[in-house]
Amino acid sequence: MSYRILSLDGGGTWALIQVKALIALYGSDTASGHAVLKDFDLAAANSGGSIVLGALIEDLTLGEILAFFQDEATRRSVFSKSDYLGDRLLHDLTGFGPKYSAENKLPALESVLSTKGKIPLNKVTVGLRRPGSNVDLHILIVAFDYDRDRATFFRSSPSSGPRWGAGESSNLTLAEAIHASTNAPVNYFDAPATFPDHPGRYWDGAITGCNNPVLAAVTEALARGQQPSDIVALSLGTASVALPRPQPNEAPSPYLQPVIAQGIVTDLRKLATSILDDPPDIATYLAHVMTGAGIGINRPPANSRIVRMNPLISPIKTQEGWSAPGPMTAEEFTFLAALDMDAVEQQQVDAISKYADLWLHDSARNQPIRMNGDTLDPELGPDTFSGAEAAWKVIQ
């Protein structure tokens, strides 16, 4: 039997894309969170994806989880404005600096996860397992330890062995682990995440390079004794912008990568937001290599044990040049490509949701495992949602 991984990227409100993908895969928004999780042996998540994972563990329906992201009042309870006037003024004046309150986020998460949120992570999935398995679903939530300057994996059970050392389980509550994982610094939340009854301060797991946690998840599976060729992973993203580079003498266009003047403010902003970046050939490609690079899989359209489902915000090449996907206008495309992860305004969330629908109907590109960065042509993995869905059905 294959060892199935569900991997959920970070990305704030953009995580609604993951919920829409699950609704498409499970055929209805009435499917329960546990019905989804019982299809997997390990679920790994970071940041916004950890909120989705927590809601699945809470056993909300997919429709209820989608409503969480689509309801503005609920979004603002998680992304509540910083209590520090200086932070707000700095951001309003410069566009740089924290906007949201870390202190207010944990109670908001506990309110959403009213049944499971206060249960320790090492007890939260007891009895939740795949049919035919005698092992509970393993949970892995990624964060960054602010004081120790290193990655932290919050686990539901130990992952240890003579070749791997000791990976301890966590007694943080489910909501606390999510609180740590969702605490993006510098341009987002005003302080590291802390907990009432446990020591430590934490930032978003994206700081560790695990905004796309599929590589961490595959590593965890190997440390738990799984053979590489037995591991299959469904990696759900939160959209990535991919614009072709302008060619010499090519006129500026909203569909081409802009050339931005270098400077201290530009560089700081890039560093603050780079935690969300996942070029198509990094995490998923390394996970592809670690699981055997597709050797032994001869069932088209699958050519890897890793299936990436993630919309690319990228133009479509036509005879006339680059254009927006589907019925989008250039203005709509530019608006979406410039959106930050903390989309809170209803207009912003509606734009994300609309683009997710284009992707689900193959009118917008799917991020392959690897692609040509100049032409955007896929080199490995499906470049449509339907192709990725077919590949997952083959390998799971």
Protein backbone atom coordinates (compact mmCIF):
# COMPACT_ATOMS: atom_id res chain seq x y z
CA MET A 1 0.00 0.00 0.00
CA SER A 2 1.31 3.46 -0.88
CA TYR A 3 2.14 5.96 1.86
CA ARG A 4 0.07 9.05 1.08
CA ILE A 5 1.04 12.60 1.99
CA LEU A 6 -1.15 15.69 1.90
CA SER A 7 0.99 18.84 1.78
CA LEU A 8 -0.54 22.31 2.23
CA ASP A 9 1.43 25.48 1.38
CA GLY A 10 1.34 28.72 3.30
CA GLY A 11 -0.17 31.82 1.77
CA GLY A 12 -2.66 33.48 4.09
CA THR A 13 -6.13 33.92 2.62
CA TRP A 14 -4.89 32.43 -0.65
CA ALA A 15 -5.26 29.05 1.09
CA LEU A 16 -8.90 29.15 -0.03
CA ILE A 17 -7.46 27.78 -3.30
CA GLN A 18 -6.56 24.56 -1.49
CA VAL A 19 -10.11 24.21 -0.22
CA LYS A 20 -11.51 24.71 -3.71
CA ALA A 21 -9.13 22.07 -5.04
CA LEU A 22 -10.27 19.60 -2.37
CA ILE A 23 -13.91 20.32 -3.22
CA ALA A 24 -13.12 19.53 -6.87
CA LEU A 25 -11.30 16.32 -5.89
CA TYR A 26 -13.95 15.10 -3.46
CA GLY A 27 -16.88 16.12 -5.61
CA SER A 28 -18.79 18.20 -3.08
CA ASP A 29 -18.40 20.95 -0.52
CA THR A 30 -20.28 18.72 1.93
CA ALA A 31 -17.34 16.32 2.28
CA SER A 32 -16.10 16.38 5.87
CA GLY A 33 -12.58 17.14 6.97
CA HIS A 34 -12.11 13.66 8.38
CA ALA A 35 -13.29 12.08 5.13
CA VAL A 36 -10.44 13.92 3.40
CA LEU A 37 -7.81 13.15 6.03
CA LYS A 38 -8.67 9.44 6.13
CA ASP A 39 -7.26 9.22 2.60
CA PHE A 40 -3.78 10.09 3.91
CA ASP A 41 -1.09 8.78 6.24
CA LEU A 42 0.69 12.10 6.83
CA ALA A 43 -0.51 15.68 6.54
CA ALA A 44 2.02 18.52 6.53
CA ALA A 45 1.22 22.21 6.51
CA ASN A 46 2.63 25.67 6.86
CA SER A 47 0.99 29.00 7.68
CA GLY A 48 -2.31 29.43 5.78
CA GLY A 49 -2.22 25.75 4.90
CA SER A 50 -2.05 24.91 8.62
CA ILE A 51 -5.35 26.74 9.08
CA VAL A 52 -6.86 24.50 6.39
CA LEU A 53 -5.35 21.45 8.11
CA GLY A 54 -6.71 22.53 11.48
CA ALA A 55 -10.19 22.96 10.02
CA LEU A 56 -9.95 19.48 8.45
CA ILE A 57 -8.97 18.05 11.85
CA GLU A 58 -11.89 19.98 13.38
CA ASP A 59 -14.01 17.97 10.90
CA LEU A 60 -15.64 20.98 9.33
CA THR A 61 -17.08 20.39 5.89
CA LEU A 62 -15.14 21.72 2.93
CA GLY A 63 -17.90 24.25 2.40
CA GLU A 64 -17.56 25.48 5.97
CA ILE A 65 -13.80 25.81 5.58
CA LEU A 66 -14.22 27.77 2.37
CA ALA A 67 -16.70 30.05 4.14
CA PHE A 68 -14.06 30.79 6.78
CA PHE A 69 -11.81 32.31 4.12
CA GLN A 70 -14.61 33.99 2.22
CA ASP A 71 -16.22 35.68 5.25
CA GLU A 72 -14.60 39.07 5.85
CA ALA A 73 -15.39 39.23 9.56
CA THR A 74 -13.72 35.86 10.18
CA ARG A 75 -10.68 36.84 8.13
CA ARG A 76 -10.30 40.04 10.09
CA SER A 77 -10.44 38.14 13.39
CA VAL A 78 -7.22 36.38 12.35
CA PHE A 79 -5.71 39.37 10.52
CA SER A 80 -6.66 41.93 13.17
CA LYS A 81 -4.84 45.25 13.08
CA SER A 82 -1.79 45.72 15.29
CA ASP A 83 -2.47 47.38 18.63
CA TYR A 84 0.70 49.44 18.27
CA LEU A 85 0.06 52.86 16.77
CA GLY A 86 3.72 53.23 15.76
CA ASP A 87 3.59 50.05 13.65
CA ARG A 88 0.45 51.19 11.88
CA LEU A 89 1.86 54.65 11.18
CA LEU A 90 5.12 53.18 9.84
CA HIS A 91 3.25 50.90 7.47
CA ASP A 92 0.84 53.63 6.34
CA LEU A 93 3.72 56.01 5.60
CA THR A 94 6.24 53.61 4.02
CA GLY A 95 4.31 50.47 3.05
CA PHE A 96 6.80 48.60 5.22
CA GLY A 97 6.42 47.16 8.71
CA PRO A 98 3.90 45.02 10.63
CA LYS A 99 0.18 45.45 10.19
CA TYR A 100 -1.43 42.76 12.34
CA SER A 101 -1.63 41.70 15.98
CA ALA A 102 0.01 38.41 16.91
CA GLU A 103 -1.60 38.55 20.36
CA ASN A 104 -5.13 38.59 18.96
CA LYS A 105 -4.59 35.71 16.56
CA LEU A 106 -4.50 32.76 18.97
CA PRO A 107 -7.95 33.45 20.50
CA ALA A 108 -9.37 33.83 16.99
CA LEU A 109 -7.95 30.44 15.95
CA GLU A 110 -9.28 28.81 19.13
CA SER A 111 -12.71 30.23 18.36
CA VAL A 112 -12.72 28.74 14.86
CA LEU A 113 -11.34 25.39 16.10
CA SER A 114 -13.73 25.22 19.04
CA THR A 115 -13.65 21.42 19.43
CA LYS A 116 -10.06 20.44 18.59
CA GLY A 117 -8.15 23.71 18.95
CA LYS A 118 -7.22 23.29 22.62
CA ILE A 119 -6.31 19.58 22.35
CA PRO A 120 -2.56 18.83 22.42
CA LEU A 121 -1.15 18.02 19.01
CA ASN A 122 0.06 14.62 20.24
CA LYS A 123 -3.54 13.63 20.95
CA VAL A 124 -5.50 15.43 18.27
CA THR A 125 -5.57 12.65 15.64
CA VAL A 126 -6.10 9.65 17.92
CA GLY A 127 -8.27 7.17 16.00
CA LEU A 128 -8.07 9.15 12.74
CA ARG A 129 -6.48 6.80 10.19
CA ARG A 130 -6.71 5.36 6.71
CA PRO A 131 -8.95 2.30 6.27
CA GLY A 132 -6.79 -0.78 6.70
CA SER A 133 -4.08 1.10 8.62
CA ASN A 134 -3.30 0.58 12.30
CA VAL A 135 -1.46 3.91 12.63
CA ASP A 136 -3.07 7.29 13.32
CA LEU A 137 -2.67 10.13 10.83
CA HIS A 138 0.67 11.83 11.42
CA ILE A 139 0.62 15.64 11.56
CA LEU A 140 3.58 17.91 10.78
CA ILE A 141 3.24 21.69 11.20
CA VAL A 142 6.25 23.87 10.42
CA ALA A 143 7.39 26.96 12.35
CA PHE A 144 10.57 28.94 13.02
CA ASP A 145 11.97 29.09 16.57
CA TYR A 146 12.66 32.78 17.11
CA ASP A 147 15.04 32.27 20.04
CA ARG A 148 17.01 29.29 18.69
CA ASP A 149 17.12 30.52 15.09
CA ARG A 150 16.10 27.22 13.56
CA ALA A 151 13.22 25.29 12.08
CA THR A 152 10.73 23.63 14.38
CA PHE A 153 8.51 20.73 13.39
CA PHE A 154 5.42 20.33 15.55
CA ARG A 155 4.53 16.62 15.33
CA SER A 156 1.58 14.57 16.48
CA SER A 157 3.84 11.56 17.19
CA PRO A 158 7.59 10.90 17.41
CA SER A 159 9.67 10.33 14.27
CA SER A 160 12.80 8.62 15.50
CA GLY A 161 15.24 5.92 14.45
CA PRO A 162 18.89 4.88 14.73
CA ARG A 163 19.76 6.65 11.49
CA TRP A 164 17.60 9.71 12.04
CA GLY A 165 17.95 10.75 15.68
CA ALA A 166 14.93 11.80 17.74
CA GLY A 167 12.03 13.83 16.41
CA GLU A 168 9.76 14.41 19.36
CA SER A 169 6.02 14.89 19.37
CA SER A 170 4.59 18.23 20.52
CA ASN A 171 2.35 18.97 23.48
CA LEU A 172 1.37 22.37 22.10
CA THR A 173 -2.31 22.54 21.31
CA LEU A 174 -3.44 22.36 17.71
CA ALA A 175 -4.35 26.07 17.75
CA GLU A 176 -0.98 27.00 19.28
CA ALA A 177 0.96 25.10 16.61
CA ILE A 178 -1.09 26.84 13.91
CA HIS A 179 -0.56 30.18 15.65
CA ALA A 180 3.21 29.68 15.49
CA SER A 181 3.14 28.56 11.87
CA THR A 182 1.00 31.47 10.68
CA ASN A 183 3.02 34.25 12.29
CA ALA A 184 4.70 35.85 9.28
CA PRO A 185 7.13 38.55 10.47
CA VAL A 186 8.36 41.99 9.47
CA ASN A 187 5.62 43.08 7.06
CA TYR A 188 2.75 41.17 8.63
CA PHE A 189 2.55 40.39 12.38
CA ASP A 190 3.94 42.65 15.07
CA ALA A 191 5.59 40.10 17.38
CA PRO A 192 6.59 36.43 17.55
CA ALA A 193 3.86 34.00 18.52
CA THR A 194 3.80 33.09 22.22
CA PHE A 195 1.61 30.79 24.34
CA PRO A 196 0.04 31.14 27.79
CA ASP A 197 1.38 27.86 29.24
CA HIS A 198 4.45 27.01 27.15
CA PRO A 199 7.82 28.74 26.67
CA GLY A 200 9.16 29.84 23.32
CA ARG A 201 8.58 32.42 20.60
CA TYR A 202 7.89 31.56 16.99
CA TRP A 203 7.66 32.95 13.50
CA ASP A 204 6.03 31.56 10.37
CA GLY A 205 7.49 28.28 9.09
CA ALA A 206 8.14 29.92 5.73
CA ILE A 207 11.26 31.45 7.32
CA THR A 208 12.72 27.92 7.26
CA GLY A 209 12.25 27.60 3.50
CA CYS A 210 9.21 25.37 4.01
CA ASN A 211 6.39 27.57 2.79
CA ASN A 212 5.83 24.64 0.45
CA PRO A 213 6.27 21.84 3.06
CA VAL A 214 6.25 18.87 0.67
CA LEU A 215 10.02 18.35 0.95
CA ALA A 216 9.81 18.40 4.74
CA ALA A 217 6.90 15.96 4.54
CA VAL A 218 8.78 13.50 2.33
CA THR A 219 11.78 13.72 4.66
CA GLU A 220 9.49 13.03 7.62
CA ALA A 221 8.03 9.98 5.86
CA LEU A 222 11.52 8.61 5.20
CA ALA A 223 12.46 9.17 8.85
CA ARG A 224 9.37 7.20 9.81
CA GLY A 225 10.66 4.20 7.91
CA GLN A 226 8.88 4.53 4.59
CA GLN A 227 10.58 3.43 1.37
CA PRO A 228 10.99 6.24 -1.18
CA SER A 229 9.13 4.32 -3.89
CA ASP A 230 6.13 3.84 -1.57
CA ILE A 231 5.66 7.55 -0.92
CA VAL A 232 3.17 9.57 -2.96
CA ALA A 233 2.33 13.19 -2.22
CA LEU A 234 -0.43 15.59 -3.17
CA SER A 235 1.02 19.09 -2.86
CA LEU A 236 -1.58 21.88 -2.80
CA GLY A 237 -0.36 25.44 -3.31
CA THR A 238 -1.76 28.93 -2.87
CA ALA A 239 -0.84 30.36 -6.31
CA SER A 240 2.52 31.54 -7.62
CA VAL A 241 3.21 34.46 -9.93
CA ALA A 242 5.29 33.47 -12.98
CA LEU A 243 5.96 36.17 -15.55
CA PRO A 244 8.28 35.72 -18.56
CA ARG A 245 11.36 37.90 -18.72
CA PRO A 246 11.25 40.71 -21.28
CA GLN A 247 13.33 40.11 -24.35
CA PRO A 248 15.77 42.76 -25.69
CA ASN A 249 13.89 45.79 -27.02
CA GLU A 250 10.53 44.27 -26.01
CA ALA A 251 7.99 46.89 -24.96
CA PRO A 252 6.88 46.96 -21.29
CA SER A 253 3.79 44.87 -20.64
CA PRO A 254 1.73 43.83 -17.60
CA TYR A 255 2.47 40.23 -18.64
CA LEU A 256 6.28 40.56 -18.41
CA GLN A 257 8.55 40.50 -15.38
CA PRO A 258 9.20 44.13 -14.41
CA VAL A 259 12.74 45.30 -13.81
CA ILE A 260 12.73 46.98 -10.38
CA ALA A 261 15.34 49.50 -9.32
CA GLN A 262 17.57 48.19 -6.53
CA GLY A 263 17.65 50.02 -3.21
CA ILE A 264 17.47 49.49 0.54
CA VAL A 265 13.68 49.74 0.77
CA THR A 266 13.19 47.51 -2.28
CA ASP A 267 15.66 44.96 -0.91
CA LEU A 268 14.07 44.90 2.55
CA ARG A 269 10.63 44.44 1.02
CA LYS A 270 11.94 41.60 -1.14
CA LEU A 271 13.48 39.89 1.89
CA ALA A 272 10.30 40.34 3.92
CA THR A 273 8.11 38.77 1.23
CA SER A 274 10.56 36.19 -0.16
CA ILE A 275 9.47 33.72 2.52
CA LEU A 276 6.47 33.00 0.31
CA ASP A 277 8.46 32.32 -2.84
CA ASP A 278 8.54 28.81 -4.26
CA PRO A 279 10.08 28.62 -7.70
CA PRO A 280 8.55 25.68 -9.56
CA ASP A 281 11.74 23.63 -9.54
CA ILE A 282 12.70 23.71 -5.84
CA ALA A 283 10.61 21.97 -3.13
CA THR A 284 8.46 19.82 -5.39
CA TYR A 285 11.38 18.95 -7.66
CA LEU A 286 13.59 17.88 -4.74
CA ALA A 287 10.72 15.78 -3.36
CA HIS A 288 10.35 14.27 -6.84
CA VAL A 289 14.03 13.27 -6.83
CA MET A 290 13.89 11.91 -3.27
CA THR A 291 10.98 9.61 -4.13
CA GLY A 292 12.75 8.06 -7.12
CA ALA A 293 12.34 10.67 -9.86
CA GLY A 294 9.33 8.84 -11.23
CA ILE A 295 11.22 5.63 -11.96
CA GLY A 296 8.79 2.73 -12.14
CA ILE A 297 5.78 4.92 -12.89
CA ASN A 298 4.66 4.22 -16.43
CA ARG A 299 1.04 5.29 -16.19
CA PRO A 300 0.43 8.52 -18.12
CA PRO A 301 -0.23 11.27 -17.30
CA ALA A 302 1.69 10.50 -14.08
CA ASN A 303 5.47 10.76 -14.35
CA SER A 304 6.25 11.42 -10.68
CA ARG A 305 5.19 10.31 -7.21
CA ILE A 306 4.65 13.99 -6.43
CA VAL A 307 1.56 15.74 -7.82
CA ARG A 308 1.59 19.51 -7.62
CA MET A 309 -1.73 21.36 -7.76
CA ASN A 310 -1.14 25.10 -7.72
CA PRO A 311 -2.42 27.85 -10.01
CA LEU A 312 0.17 29.93 -11.80
CA ILE A 313 -0.65 33.58 -12.16
CA SER A 314 0.95 33.76 -15.56
CA PRO A 315 0.01 34.92 -19.03
CA ILE A 316 -0.91 32.70 -21.96
CA LYS A 317 1.15 32.76 -25.16
CA THR A 318 -0.84 33.48 -28.31
CA GLN A 319 0.05 34.36 -31.90
CA GLU A 320 -0.34 38.01 -30.99
CA GLY A 321 1.86 37.71 -27.89
CA TRP A 322 1.15 37.30 -24.18
CA SER A 323 -2.38 37.74 -22.87
CA ALA A 324 -4.33 37.20 -19.66
CA PRO A 325 -5.88 33.76 -19.03
CA GLY A 326 -9.50 33.20 -19.98
CA PRO A 327 -11.73 36.27 -19.92
CA MET A 328 -9.44 38.29 -17.62
CA THR A 329 -8.54 41.83 -18.55
CA ALA A 330 -5.01 43.21 -18.27
CA GLU A 331 -6.16 45.29 -15.29
CA GLU A 332 -7.60 42.26 -13.50
CA PHE A 333 -4.42 40.29 -14.16
CA THR A 334 -2.18 43.08 -12.84
CA PHE A 335 -4.36 43.50 -9.74
CA LEU A 336 -4.15 39.80 -8.90
CA ALA A 337 -0.43 39.47 -9.59
CA ALA A 338 0.30 42.35 -7.20
CA LEU A 339 -1.85 41.04 -4.32
CA ASP A 340 -0.04 40.21 -1.09
CA MET A 341 -0.75 37.04 0.90
CA ASP A 342 -2.78 38.94 3.50
CA ALA A 343 -5.71 39.63 1.21
CA VAL A 344 -8.43 40.79 3.57
CA GLU A 345 -10.63 43.10 1.53
CA GLN A 346 -13.59 41.37 -0.11
CA GLN A 347 -12.60 42.57 -3.58
CA GLN A 348 -9.20 40.92 -3.14
CA VAL A 349 -10.62 37.61 -1.94
CA ASP A 350 -13.18 37.58 -4.74
CA ALA A 351 -10.37 38.02 -7.28
CA ILE A 352 -8.46 35.06 -5.79
CA SER A 353 -11.58 32.90 -5.79
CA LYS A 354 -12.40 33.81 -9.39
CA TYR A 355 -8.89 32.93 -10.56
CA ALA A 356 -9.05 29.61 -8.69
CA ASP A 357 -12.15 28.76 -10.71
CA LEU A 358 -10.32 29.54 -13.97
CA TRP A 359 -7.54 27.19 -12.87
CA LEU A 360 -9.96 24.42 -11.90
CA HIS A 361 -11.46 24.62 -15.39
CA ASP A 362 -8.01 24.58 -17.11
CA SER A 363 -8.27 28.19 -18.27
CA ALA A 364 -5.27 29.13 -16.11
CA ARG A 365 -2.01 27.21 -15.85
CA ASN A 366 -1.16 24.67 -13.18
CA GLN A 367 2.35 24.88 -11.73
CA PRO A 368 4.29 21.86 -12.96
CA ILE A 369 7.09 20.27 -10.97
CA ARG A 370 9.56 21.95 -13.27
CA MET A 371 9.23 24.42 -16.12
CA ASN A 372 11.25 26.71 -18.35
CA GLY A 373 11.42 30.05 -16.58
CA ASP A 374 11.61 32.05 -19.81
CA THR A 375 8.96 30.36 -21.95
CA LEU A 376 6.88 28.97 -19.05
CA ASP A 377 6.72 25.67 -20.95
CA PRO A 378 6.29 22.62 -18.64
CA GLU A 379 9.22 20.21 -18.43
CA LEU A 380 7.94 17.83 -15.76
CA GLY A 381 4.49 17.36 -14.31
CA PRO A 382 1.02 18.42 -15.52
CA ASP A 383 0.40 22.05 -16.43
CA THR A 384 -3.40 21.82 -16.07
CA PHE A 385 -5.54 21.03 -13.05
CA SER A 386 -7.32 18.22 -14.88
CA GLY A 387 -3.94 16.70 -15.78
CA ALA A 388 -2.81 16.90 -12.16
CA GLU A 389 -6.09 15.38 -10.97
CA ALA A 390 -5.69 12.48 -13.42
CA ALA A 391 -2.08 11.95 -12.30
CA TRP A 392 -3.13 11.81 -8.64
CA LYS A 393 -5.83 9.24 -9.39
CA VAL A 394 -3.20 7.07 -11.09
CA ILE A 395 -0.58 7.07 -8.35
CA GLN A 396 -2.57 7.21 -5.12
